[in-house]
Amino acid sequence: MHMNGPKENNFIIEGSQTKTKFGKWIKEIDNNNAKVIITFGPIINEIKEKIIKQNLPFDLINAVYQKPLDTECLKDISKKYEK
Protein backbone atom coordinates (compact mmCIF):
# COMPACT_ATOMS: atom_id res chain seq x y z
CA MET A 1 0.00 0.00 0.00
CA HIS A 2 1.43 3.36 -0.98
CA MET A 3 0.43 6.73 0.35
CA ASN A 4 0.00 9.56 -2.16
CA GLY A 5 0.68 12.27 0.37
CA PRO A 6 0.45 12.81 4.10
CA LYS A 7 -2.52 15.17 3.86
CA GLU A 8 -4.43 13.41 1.10
CA ASN A 9 -5.17 10.29 3.11
CA ASN A 10 -5.43 8.37 -0.19
CA PHE A 11 -3.82 5.01 -0.79
CA ILE A 12 -3.06 2.83 -3.79
CA ILE A 13 -3.61 -0.87 -3.16
CA GLU A 14 -0.64 -2.98 -4.31
CA GLY A 15 -1.24 -4.80 -7.58
CA SER A 16 -4.04 -2.41 -8.42
CA GLN A 17 -4.55 1.12 -9.64
CA THR A 18 -7.47 1.50 -7.26
CA LYS A 19 -7.30 4.53 -4.98
CA THR A 20 -9.16 4.57 -1.70
CA LYS A 21 -9.31 6.65 1.45
CA PHE A 22 -8.16 5.19 4.73
CA GLY A 23 -10.92 3.10 6.28
CA LYS A 24 -13.02 2.90 3.10
CA TRP A 25 -13.90 -0.34 1.36
CA ILE A 26 -13.68 -0.80 -2.41
CA LYS A 27 -16.58 -1.92 -4.61
CA GLU A 28 -14.76 -4.28 -6.97
CA ILE A 29 -17.95 -5.37 -8.77
CA ASP A 30 -21.10 -3.26 -8.54
CA ASN A 31 -23.66 -4.54 -11.03
CA ASN A 32 -26.74 -4.04 -8.85
CA ASN A 33 -27.01 -7.73 -8.08
CA ALA A 34 -29.23 -8.95 -5.22
CA LYS A 35 -26.35 -10.51 -3.29
CA VAL A 36 -22.92 -9.32 -2.22
CA ILE A 37 -19.68 -10.96 -1.13
CA ILE A 38 -17.54 -9.00 1.32
CA THR A 39 -13.97 -10.23 1.65
CA PHE A 40 -10.36 -9.08 1.77
CA GLY A 41 -6.85 -10.30 1.10
CA PRO A 42 -5.31 -12.08 -1.86
CA ILE A 43 -8.36 -14.31 -2.39
CA ILE A 44 -10.30 -11.32 -3.68
CA ASN A 45 -8.65 -11.65 -7.09
CA GLU A 46 -9.71 -15.29 -7.41
CA ILE A 47 -13.28 -14.51 -6.36
CA LYS A 48 -13.48 -11.55 -8.73
CA GLU A 49 -12.23 -13.67 -11.63
CA LYS A 50 -14.80 -16.43 -10.94
CA ILE A 51 -17.68 -13.95 -10.68
CA ILE A 52 -16.72 -12.38 -14.01
CA LYS A 53 -15.89 -15.59 -15.92
CA GLN A 54 -18.95 -17.50 -14.70
CA ASN A 55 -21.25 -14.46 -14.82
CA LEU A 56 -22.34 -15.08 -11.23
CA PRO A 57 -25.04 -12.82 -9.72
CA PHE A 58 -22.89 -11.28 -6.98
CA ASP A 59 -21.43 -7.87 -6.29
CA LEU A 60 -18.02 -7.88 -4.62
CA ILE A 61 -16.66 -5.58 -1.93
CA ASN A 62 -13.02 -5.53 -0.89
CA ALA A 63 -12.99 -4.86 2.87
CA VAL A 64 -9.45 -3.54 2.69
CA TYR A 65 -9.62 -2.19 6.25
CA GLN A 66 -11.06 -4.17 9.13
CA LYS A 67 -10.36 -1.33 11.55
CA PRO A 68 -11.95 1.07 11.29
CA LEU A 69 -15.01 -0.58 9.78
CA ASP A 70 -16.51 1.27 6.86
CA THR A 71 -19.83 1.92 8.58
CA GLU A 72 -21.08 4.02 5.66
CA CYS A 73 -20.60 1.07 3.30
CA LEU A 74 -22.21 -1.31 5.80
CA LYS A 75 -25.29 0.94 5.98
CA ASP A 76 -25.48 0.99 2.17
CA ILE A 77 -25.17 -2.80 2.08
CA SER A 78 -27.96 -3.27 4.64
CA LYS A 79 -30.30 -1.14 2.49
CA LYS A 80 -29.35 -2.51 -0.93
CA TYR A 81 -29.00 -6.28 -0.60
CA GLU A 82 -31.30 -9.18 0.30
CA LYS A 83 -31.47 -10.04 3.93
C-alpha atoms as a PDB file:
ATOM      1  CA  MET A   1       0.000   0.000   0.000  1.00  0.00           C
ATOM      2  CA  HIS A   2       1.432   3.357  -0.975  1.00  0.00           C
ATOM      3  CA  MET A   3       0.429   6.734   0.351  1.00  0.00           C
ATOM      4  CA  ASN A   4       0.001   9.565  -2.163  1.00  0.00           C
ATOM      5  CA  GLY A   5       0.681  12.266   0.373  1.00  0.00           C
ATOM      6  CA  PRO A   6       0.452  12.808   4.096  1.00  0.00           C
ATOM      7  CA  LYS A   7      -2.520  15.165   3.863  1.00  0.00           C
ATOM      8  CA  GLU A   8      -4.430  13.414   1.097  1.00  0.00           C
ATOM      9  CA  ASN A   9      -5.170  10.285   3.115  1.00  0.00           C
ATOM     10  CA  ASN A  10      -5.435   8.368  -0.194  1.00  0.00           C
ATOM     11  CA  PHE A  11      -3.817   5.007  -0.786  1.00  0.00           C
ATOM     12  CA  ILE A  12      -3.064   2.828  -3.790  1.00  0.00           C
ATOM     13  CA  ILE A  13      -3.612  -0.875  -3.161  1.00  0.00           C
ATOM     14  CA  GLU A  14      -0.639  -2.976  -4.306  1.00  0.00           C
ATOM     15  CA  GLY A  15      -1.236  -4.799  -7.580  1.00  0.00           C
ATOM     16  CA  SER A  16      -4.035  -2.407  -8.423  1.00  0.00           C
ATOM     17  CA  GLN A  17      -4.550   1.124  -9.644  1.00  0.00           C
ATOM     18  CA  THR A  18      -7.475   1.503  -7.255  1.00  0.00           C
ATOM     19  CA  LYS A  19      -7.298   4.527  -4.979  1.00  0.00           C
ATOM     20  CA  THR A  20      -9.157   4.574  -1.699  1.00  0.00           C
ATOM     21  CA  LYS A  21      -9.312   6.647   1.448  1.00  0.00           C
ATOM     22  CA  PHE A  22      -8.158   5.192   4.729  1.00  0.00           C
ATOM     23  CA  GLY A  23     -10.922   3.099   6.282  1.00  0.00           C
ATOM     24  CA  LYS A  24     -13.019   2.897   3.101  1.00  0.00           C
ATOM     25  CA  TRP A  25     -13.902  -0.340   1.357  1.00  0.00           C
ATOM     26  CA  ILE A  26     -13.682  -0.796  -2.411  1.00  0.00           C
ATOM     27  CA  LYS A  27     -16.584  -1.916  -4.607  1.00  0.00           C
ATOM     28  CA  GLU A  28     -14.762  -4.278  -6.969  1.00  0.00           C
ATOM     29  CA  ILE A  29     -17.948  -5.369  -8.767  1.00  0.00           C
ATOM     30  CA  ASP A  30     -21.098  -3.263  -8.540  1.00  0.00           C
ATOM     31  CA  ASN A  31     -23.659  -4.541 -11.032  1.00  0.00           C
ATOM     32  CA  ASN A  32     -26.741  -4.035  -8.849  1.00  0.00           C
ATOM     33  CA  ASN A  33     -27.014  -7.732  -8.079  1.00  0.00           C
ATOM     34  CA  ALA A  34     -29.233  -8.954  -5.224  1.00  0.00           C
ATOM     35  CA  LYS A  35     -26.346 -10.511  -3.289  1.00  0.00           C
ATOM     36  CA  VAL A  36     -22.924  -9.323  -2.217  1.00  0.00           C
ATOM     37  CA  ILE A  37     -19.683 -10.961  -1.129  1.00  0.00           C
ATOM     38  CA  ILE A  38     -17.542  -9.003   1.324  1.00  0.00           C
ATOM     39  CA  THR A  39     -13.970 -10.229   1.647  1.00  0.00           C
ATOM     40  CA  PHE A  40     -10.362  -9.078   1.767  1.00  0.00           C
ATOM     41  CA  GLY A  41      -6.846 -10.296   1.099  1.00  0.00           C
ATOM     42  CA  PRO A  42      -5.308 -12.079  -1.864  1.00  0.00           C
ATOM     43  CA  ILE A  43      -8.364 -14.315  -2.385  1.00  0.00           C
ATOM     44  CA  ILE A  44     -10.297 -11.320  -3.683  1.00  0.00           C
ATOM     45  CA  ASN A  45      -8.647 -11.654  -7.093  1.00  0.00           C
ATOM     46  CA  GLU A  46      -9.706 -15.295  -7.411  1.00  0.00           C
ATOM     47  CA  ILE A  47     -13.276 -14.510  -6.358  1.00  0.00           C
ATOM     48  CA  LYS A  48     -13.481 -11.550  -8.728  1.00  0.00           C
ATOM     49  CA  GLU A  49     -12.227 -13.675 -11.627  1.00  0.00           C
ATOM     50  CA  LYS A  50     -14.799 -16.427 -10.937  1.00  0.00           C
ATOM     51  CA  ILE A  51     -17.680 -13.948 -10.679  1.00  0.00           C
ATOM     52  CA  ILE A  52     -16.724 -12.375 -14.007  1.00  0.00           C
ATOM     53  CA  LYS A  53     -15.891 -15.592 -15.919  1.00  0.00           C
ATOM     54  CA  GLN A  54     -18.954 -17.501 -14.704  1.00  0.00           C
ATOM     55  CA  ASN A  55     -21.252 -14.460 -14.818  1.00  0.00           C
ATOM     56  CA  LEU A  56     -22.336 -15.078 -11.229  1.00  0.00           C
ATOM     57  CA  PRO A  57     -25.036 -12.821  -9.722  1.00  0.00           C
ATOM     58  CA  PHE A  58     -22.888 -11.275  -6.977  1.00  0.00           C
ATOM     59  CA  ASP A  59     -21.435  -7.875  -6.285  1.00  0.00           C
ATOM     60  CA  LEU A  60     -18.020  -7.876  -4.624  1.00  0.00           C
ATOM     61  CA  ILE A  61     -16.658  -5.581  -1.933  1.00  0.00           C
ATOM     62  CA  ASN A  62     -13.024  -5.525  -0.890  1.00  0.00           C
ATOM     63  CA  ALA A  63     -12.994  -4.860   2.873  1.00  0.00           C
ATOM     64  CA  VAL A  64      -9.451  -3.537   2.694  1.00  0.00           C
ATOM     65  CA  TYR A  65      -9.620  -2.187   6.252  1.00  0.00           C
ATOM     66  CA  GLN A  66     -11.060  -4.174   9.125  1.00  0.00           C
ATOM     67  CA  LYS A  67     -10.361  -1.331  11.546  1.00  0.00           C
ATOM     68  CA  PRO A  68     -11.955   1.074  11.289  1.00  0.00           C
ATOM     69  CA  LEU A  69     -15.012  -0.584   9.782  1.00  0.00           C
ATOM     70  CA  ASP A  70     -16.510   1.266   6.857  1.00  0.00           C
ATOM     71  CA  THR A  71     -19.825   1.919   8.581  1.00  0.00           C
ATOM     72  CA  GLU A  72     -21.080   4.020   5.659  1.00  0.00           C
ATOM     73  CA  CYS A  73     -20.597   1.075   3.298  1.00  0.00           C
ATOM     74  CA  LEU A  74     -22.208  -1.308   5.800  1.00  0.00           C
ATOM     75  CA  LYS A  75     -25.290   0.939   5.977  1.00  0.00           C
ATOM     76  CA  ASP A  76     -25.484   0.989   2.174  1.00  0.00           C
ATOM     77  CA  ILE A  77     -25.174  -2.801   2.077  1.00  0.00           C
ATOM     78  CA  SER A  78     -27.964  -3.274   4.636  1.00  0.00           C
ATOM     79  CA  LYS A  79     -30.304  -1.143   2.492  1.00  0.00           C
ATOM     80  CA  LYS A  80     -29.346  -2.506  -0.926  1.00  0.00           C
ATOM     81  CA  TYR A  81     -28.997  -6.278  -0.603  1.00  0.00           C
ATOM     82  CA  GLU A  82     -31.297  -9.176   0.295  1.00  0.00           C
ATOM     83  CA  LYS A  83     -31.472 -10.042   3.933  1.00  0.00           C
END
